[in-house]
Amino acid sequence: MATQVVLEALGETLLARLDAGLDRARAGFKRLRRLLRAQEAAHHAFGTRTIAEALAAEETDVAALRAVALPYLALAEAMIAAGAPALTHFALTSETIASDFRAHLPPWLGQAA
């Protein structure tokens, strides 16, 4: 579940930027784009909520969650950095995307980032 939270945060971040760019270009498919973003947000919220419940019930601890999620956090940040050349076409930087990504992380992981 910790892995899913990281990957869904990345997906949500990238879809938000993509959607904004498509909207500016009047690319259409607005209803479909909203549906995809809502689905990604729901997946992320489910994972975040499930982990929060497990933490509250003391079924797991933050150290265990971080241990599972940190390799995927590093992978996501490496993917963002690797995409830097493509981002320049959209007047974005990898630092901007990475900041947006970290803002979507839950507190138990955001503190480790």
N, C-alpha and C. Protein backbone atom coordinates (compact mmCIF):
# COMPACT_ATOMS: atom_id res chain seq x y z
N MET A 1 0.83 -1.19 0.00
CA MET A 1 0.00 0.00 0.00
C MET A 1 0.87 1.25 0.00
N ALA A 2 2.00 1.23 0.70
CA ALA A 2 2.89 2.39 0.73
C ALA A 2 3.44 2.69 -0.66
N THR A 3 3.75 1.63 -1.39
CA THR A 3 4.23 1.78 -2.76
C THR A 3 3.16 2.42 -3.63
N GLN A 4 1.94 1.96 -3.47
CA GLN A 4 0.83 2.48 -4.25
C GLN A 4 0.63 3.97 -3.99
N VAL A 5 0.79 4.40 -2.75
CA VAL A 5 0.63 5.82 -2.42
C VAL A 5 1.66 6.66 -3.17
N VAL A 6 2.89 6.19 -3.24
CA VAL A 6 3.94 6.92 -3.95
C VAL A 6 3.62 6.99 -5.44
N LEU A 7 3.29 5.86 -6.03
CA LEU A 7 3.05 5.83 -7.47
C LEU A 7 1.80 6.62 -7.85
N GLU A 8 0.77 6.55 -7.04
CA GLU A 8 -0.45 7.32 -7.33
C GLU A 8 -0.19 8.82 -7.17
N ALA A 9 0.67 9.21 -6.23
CA ALA A 9 1.02 10.62 -6.08
C ALA A 9 1.72 11.12 -7.34
N LEU A 10 2.60 10.31 -7.90
CA LEU A 10 3.28 10.68 -9.14
C LEU A 10 2.27 10.79 -10.28
N GLY A 11 1.39 9.81 -10.39
CA GLY A 11 0.37 9.85 -11.44
C GLY A 11 -0.53 11.06 -11.32
N GLU A 12 -0.96 11.35 -10.12
CA GLU A 12 -1.84 12.50 -9.89
C GLU A 12 -1.13 13.80 -10.27
N THR A 13 0.12 13.91 -9.90
CA THR A 13 0.91 15.11 -10.21
C THR A 13 1.05 15.30 -11.72
N LEU A 14 1.43 14.25 -12.41
CA LEU A 14 1.65 14.36 -13.85
C LEU A 14 0.34 14.59 -14.61
N LEU A 15 -0.73 13.92 -14.20
CA LEU A 15 -2.01 14.14 -14.86
C LEU A 15 -2.53 15.56 -14.67
N ALA A 16 -2.29 16.14 -13.51
CA ALA A 16 -2.72 17.52 -13.27
C ALA A 16 -2.02 18.48 -14.22
N ARG A 17 -0.71 18.31 -14.37
CA ARG A 17 0.05 19.17 -15.29
C ARG A 17 -0.36 18.93 -16.73
N LEU A 18 -0.53 17.67 -17.12
CA LEU A 18 -0.94 17.34 -18.47
C LEU A 18 -2.32 17.93 -18.77
N ASP A 19 -3.23 17.78 -17.84
CA ASP A 19 -4.58 18.30 -18.01
C ASP A 19 -4.57 19.82 -18.17
N ALA A 20 -3.77 20.50 -17.38
CA ALA A 20 -3.69 21.97 -17.49
C ALA A 20 -3.17 22.37 -18.87
N GLY A 21 -2.15 21.68 -19.34
CA GLY A 21 -1.61 21.99 -20.67
C GLY A 21 -2.61 21.71 -21.78
N LEU A 22 -3.32 20.60 -21.68
CA LEU A 22 -4.33 20.26 -22.68
C LEU A 22 -5.48 21.26 -22.64
N ASP A 23 -5.81 21.73 -21.46
CA ASP A 23 -6.87 22.72 -21.32
C ASP A 23 -6.46 24.03 -21.99
N ARG A 24 -5.22 24.47 -21.74
CA ARG A 24 -4.73 25.70 -22.37
C ARG A 24 -4.74 25.58 -23.90
N ALA A 25 -4.46 24.39 -24.40
CA ALA A 25 -4.42 24.17 -25.85
C ALA A 25 -5.81 23.87 -26.42
N ARG A 26 -6.81 23.88 -25.55
CA ARG A 26 -8.19 23.57 -25.94
C ARG A 26 -8.25 22.25 -26.70
N ALA A 27 -7.63 21.25 -26.13
CA ALA A 27 -7.47 19.96 -26.78
C ALA A 27 -8.72 19.08 -26.73
N GLY A 28 -9.71 19.49 -25.98
CA GLY A 28 -10.92 18.69 -25.90
C GLY A 28 -10.81 17.56 -24.90
N PHE A 29 -11.75 16.64 -24.97
CA PHE A 29 -11.81 15.48 -24.08
C PHE A 29 -11.85 15.89 -22.60
N LYS A 30 -12.42 17.04 -22.32
CA LYS A 30 -12.43 17.56 -20.95
C LYS A 30 -13.09 16.58 -19.98
N ARG A 31 -14.22 16.02 -20.38
CA ARG A 31 -14.94 15.09 -19.49
C ARG A 31 -14.08 13.84 -19.22
N LEU A 32 -13.45 13.31 -20.23
CA LEU A 32 -12.58 12.14 -20.06
C LEU A 32 -11.38 12.48 -19.19
N ARG A 33 -10.78 13.64 -19.39
CA ARG A 33 -9.65 14.05 -18.57
C ARG A 33 -10.05 14.19 -17.10
N ARG A 34 -11.22 14.77 -16.86
CA ARG A 34 -11.73 14.90 -15.48
C ARG A 34 -11.93 13.53 -14.86
N LEU A 35 -12.46 12.60 -15.64
CA LEU A 35 -12.69 11.25 -15.15
C LEU A 35 -11.37 10.57 -14.78
N LEU A 36 -10.36 10.68 -15.63
CA LEU A 36 -9.06 10.08 -15.34
C LEU A 36 -8.41 10.69 -14.10
N ARG A 37 -8.49 12.00 -13.99
CA ARG A 37 -7.91 12.66 -12.81
C ARG A 37 -8.66 12.27 -11.55
N ALA A 38 -9.97 12.19 -11.63
CA ALA A 38 -10.77 11.79 -10.45
C ALA A 38 -10.43 10.37 -10.04
N GLN A 39 -10.24 9.49 -11.01
CA GLN A 39 -9.90 8.11 -10.72
C GLN A 39 -8.53 8.04 -10.03
N GLU A 40 -7.57 8.78 -10.54
CA GLU A 40 -6.23 8.79 -9.94
C GLU A 40 -6.28 9.35 -8.52
N ALA A 41 -7.03 10.42 -8.33
CA ALA A 41 -7.17 11.02 -6.99
C ALA A 41 -7.85 10.04 -6.03
N ALA A 42 -8.84 9.31 -6.52
CA ALA A 42 -9.53 8.33 -5.67
C ALA A 42 -8.59 7.21 -5.25
N HIS A 43 -7.76 6.74 -6.17
CA HIS A 43 -6.78 5.69 -5.83
C HIS A 43 -5.81 6.18 -4.77
N HIS A 44 -5.33 7.39 -4.96
CA HIS A 44 -4.38 7.97 -4.01
C HIS A 44 -5.03 8.15 -2.64
N ALA A 45 -6.25 8.66 -2.64
CA ALA A 45 -6.97 8.87 -1.38
C ALA A 45 -7.23 7.54 -0.67
N PHE A 46 -7.58 6.51 -1.42
CA PHE A 46 -7.80 5.19 -0.83
C PHE A 46 -6.55 4.70 -0.11
N GLY A 47 -5.41 4.75 -0.79
CA GLY A 47 -4.16 4.30 -0.19
C GLY A 47 -3.78 5.11 1.03
N THR A 48 -3.91 6.42 0.92
CA THR A 48 -3.57 7.31 2.04
C THR A 48 -4.48 7.03 3.23
N ARG A 49 -5.77 6.88 2.97
CA ARG A 49 -6.75 6.61 4.04
C ARG A 49 -6.49 5.23 4.69
N THR A 50 -6.21 4.23 3.87
CA THR A 50 -5.97 2.89 4.38
C THR A 50 -4.74 2.87 5.28
N ILE A 51 -3.69 3.56 4.88
CA ILE A 51 -2.49 3.62 5.70
C ILE A 51 -2.74 4.41 6.98
N ALA A 52 -3.47 5.51 6.88
CA ALA A 52 -3.79 6.29 8.08
C ALA A 52 -4.56 5.44 9.09
N GLU A 53 -5.48 4.63 8.59
CA GLU A 53 -6.25 3.74 9.48
C GLU A 53 -5.35 2.69 10.11
N ALA A 54 -4.42 2.13 9.33
CA ALA A 54 -3.49 1.13 9.86
C ALA A 54 -2.57 1.75 10.91
N LEU A 55 -2.14 2.97 10.68
CA LEU A 55 -1.30 3.66 11.67
C LEU A 55 -2.09 3.93 12.95
N ALA A 56 -3.33 4.39 12.80
CA ALA A 56 -4.17 4.69 13.96
C ALA A 56 -4.46 3.43 14.78
N ALA A 57 -4.63 2.31 14.10
CA ALA A 57 -4.92 1.04 14.79
C ALA A 57 -3.64 0.34 15.25
N GLU A 58 -2.52 0.98 15.00
CA GLU A 58 -1.20 0.44 15.35
C GLU A 58 -0.96 -0.92 14.72
N GLU A 59 -1.46 -1.09 13.49
CA GLU A 59 -1.24 -2.32 12.73
C GLU A 59 0.10 -2.28 11.99
N THR A 60 0.66 -1.11 11.90
CA THR A 60 1.96 -0.90 11.26
C THR A 60 2.58 0.35 11.89
N ASP A 61 3.82 0.63 11.52
CA ASP A 61 4.43 1.86 12.03
C ASP A 61 5.07 2.63 10.88
N VAL A 62 5.37 3.87 11.14
CA VAL A 62 5.90 4.76 10.12
C VAL A 62 7.23 4.24 9.58
N ALA A 63 8.08 3.71 10.42
CA ALA A 63 9.38 3.20 9.97
C ALA A 63 9.21 2.08 8.94
N ALA A 64 8.28 1.18 9.18
CA ALA A 64 8.04 0.08 8.24
C ALA A 64 7.49 0.60 6.91
N LEU A 65 6.58 1.56 7.00
CA LEU A 65 6.01 2.14 5.78
C LEU A 65 7.10 2.84 4.96
N ARG A 66 7.91 3.63 5.63
CA ARG A 66 9.00 4.33 4.93
C ARG A 66 9.96 3.34 4.28
N ALA A 67 10.29 2.29 4.98
CA ALA A 67 11.23 1.30 4.45
C ALA A 67 10.72 0.70 3.14
N VAL A 68 9.43 0.48 3.05
CA VAL A 68 8.83 -0.07 1.83
C VAL A 68 8.74 1.00 0.73
N ALA A 69 8.38 2.21 1.11
CA ALA A 69 8.10 3.26 0.13
C ALA A 69 9.32 4.01 -0.37
N LEU A 70 10.37 4.13 0.43
CA LEU A 70 11.51 4.96 0.03
C LEU A 70 12.17 4.55 -1.28
N PRO A 71 12.34 3.26 -1.58
CA PRO A 71 12.91 2.94 -2.90
C PRO A 71 12.04 3.43 -4.06
N TYR A 72 10.73 3.40 -3.88
CA TYR A 72 9.82 3.87 -4.93
C TYR A 72 9.81 5.39 -5.00
N LEU A 73 9.98 6.03 -3.88
CA LEU A 73 10.12 7.49 -3.86
C LEU A 73 11.36 7.89 -4.65
N ALA A 74 12.46 7.20 -4.41
CA ALA A 74 13.70 7.49 -5.14
C ALA A 74 13.52 7.23 -6.64
N LEU A 75 12.83 6.15 -6.98
CA LEU A 75 12.58 5.83 -8.39
C LEU A 75 11.71 6.91 -9.04
N ALA A 76 10.66 7.34 -8.36
CA ALA A 76 9.79 8.38 -8.90
C ALA A 76 10.57 9.67 -9.13
N GLU A 77 11.41 10.04 -8.18
CA GLU A 77 12.19 11.27 -8.32
C GLU A 77 13.22 11.13 -9.44
N ALA A 78 13.78 9.94 -9.63
CA ALA A 78 14.70 9.71 -10.74
C ALA A 78 13.97 9.81 -12.09
N MET A 79 12.75 9.31 -12.14
CA MET A 79 11.95 9.41 -13.36
C MET A 79 11.65 10.86 -13.70
N ILE A 80 11.34 11.64 -12.68
CA ILE A 80 11.08 13.07 -12.89
C ILE A 80 12.33 13.75 -13.43
N ALA A 81 13.46 13.48 -12.82
CA ALA A 81 14.73 14.08 -13.26
C ALA A 81 15.06 13.66 -14.70
N ALA A 82 14.83 12.39 -15.02
CA ALA A 82 15.12 11.90 -16.37
C ALA A 82 14.24 12.55 -17.42
N GLY A 83 13.07 12.98 -17.02
CA GLY A 83 12.15 13.62 -17.95
C GLY A 83 12.40 15.10 -18.15
N ALA A 84 13.43 15.64 -17.52
CA ALA A 84 13.71 17.08 -17.59
C ALA A 84 13.78 17.62 -19.01
N PRO A 85 14.45 16.95 -19.94
CA PRO A 85 14.51 17.49 -21.31
C PRO A 85 13.13 17.66 -21.95
N ALA A 86 12.23 16.71 -21.72
CA ALA A 86 10.89 16.82 -22.29
C ALA A 86 10.09 17.92 -21.62
N LEU A 87 10.36 18.16 -20.36
CA LEU A 87 9.60 19.18 -19.62
C LEU A 87 9.88 20.59 -20.13
N THR A 88 11.07 20.83 -20.65
CA THR A 88 11.40 22.17 -21.13
C THR A 88 10.48 22.60 -22.25
N HIS A 89 10.01 21.65 -23.05
CA HIS A 89 9.06 21.96 -24.12
C HIS A 89 7.78 22.59 -23.55
N PHE A 90 7.44 22.22 -22.33
CA PHE A 90 6.22 22.71 -21.69
C PHE A 90 6.50 23.84 -20.70
N ALA A 91 7.71 24.39 -20.77
CA ALA A 91 8.14 25.47 -19.87
C ALA A 91 8.05 25.05 -18.41
N LEU A 92 8.40 23.79 -18.15
CA LEU A 92 8.41 23.26 -16.79
C LEU A 92 9.82 22.77 -16.47
N THR A 93 10.10 22.65 -15.20
CA THR A 93 11.37 22.08 -14.78
C THR A 93 11.09 20.82 -13.96
N SER A 94 12.09 19.98 -13.87
CA SER A 94 11.93 18.79 -13.05
C SER A 94 11.75 19.18 -11.59
N GLU A 95 12.35 20.30 -11.19
CA GLU A 95 12.19 20.77 -9.80
C GLU A 95 10.74 21.13 -9.50
N THR A 96 10.06 21.73 -10.47
CA THR A 96 8.65 22.09 -10.29
C THR A 96 7.80 20.84 -10.14
N ILE A 97 8.03 19.86 -11.01
CA ILE A 97 7.26 18.61 -10.94
C ILE A 97 7.58 17.88 -9.64
N ALA A 98 8.85 17.84 -9.26
CA ALA A 98 9.24 17.16 -8.01
C ALA A 98 8.58 17.83 -6.81
N SER A 99 8.50 19.14 -6.83
CA SER A 99 7.85 19.86 -5.72
C SER A 99 6.36 19.53 -5.66
N ASP A 100 5.71 19.52 -6.83
CA ASP A 100 4.29 19.14 -6.89
C ASP A 100 4.10 17.71 -6.37
N PHE A 101 4.99 16.83 -6.79
CA PHE A 101 4.94 15.42 -6.37
C PHE A 101 5.06 15.31 -4.85
N ARG A 102 6.04 15.97 -4.28
CA ARG A 102 6.23 15.90 -2.82
C ARG A 102 5.03 16.47 -2.07
N ALA A 103 4.35 17.44 -2.66
CA ALA A 103 3.16 18.02 -2.02
C ALA A 103 2.01 17.01 -1.95
N HIS A 104 2.04 15.99 -2.83
CA HIS A 104 0.99 14.96 -2.82
C HIS A 104 1.31 13.79 -1.89
N LEU A 105 2.48 13.82 -1.28
CA LEU A 105 2.86 12.72 -0.40
C LEU A 105 2.25 12.90 0.99
N PRO A 106 1.91 11.82 1.64
CA PRO A 106 1.36 11.93 3.00
C PRO A 106 2.45 12.36 3.99
N PRO A 107 2.07 12.91 5.11
CA PRO A 107 3.05 13.40 6.08
C PRO A 107 4.06 12.34 6.52
N TRP A 108 3.65 11.10 6.67
CA TRP A 108 4.59 10.08 7.13
C TRP A 108 5.71 9.84 6.14
N LEU A 109 5.49 10.15 4.88
CA LEU A 109 6.53 9.99 3.87
C LEU A 109 7.13 11.33 3.47
N GLY A 110 6.32 12.35 3.48
CA GLY A 110 6.80 13.68 3.12
C GLY A 110 7.92 14.15 4.03
N GLN A 111 7.88 13.73 5.28
CA GLN A 111 8.91 14.10 6.23
C GLN A 111 10.24 13.43 5.90
N ALA A 112 10.18 12.32 5.19
CA ALA A 112 11.40 11.58 4.86
C ALA A 112 11.99 12.03 3.53
N ALA A 113 11.20 12.76 2.75
CA ALA A 113 11.62 13.16 1.40
C ALA A 113 12.62 14.30 1.45
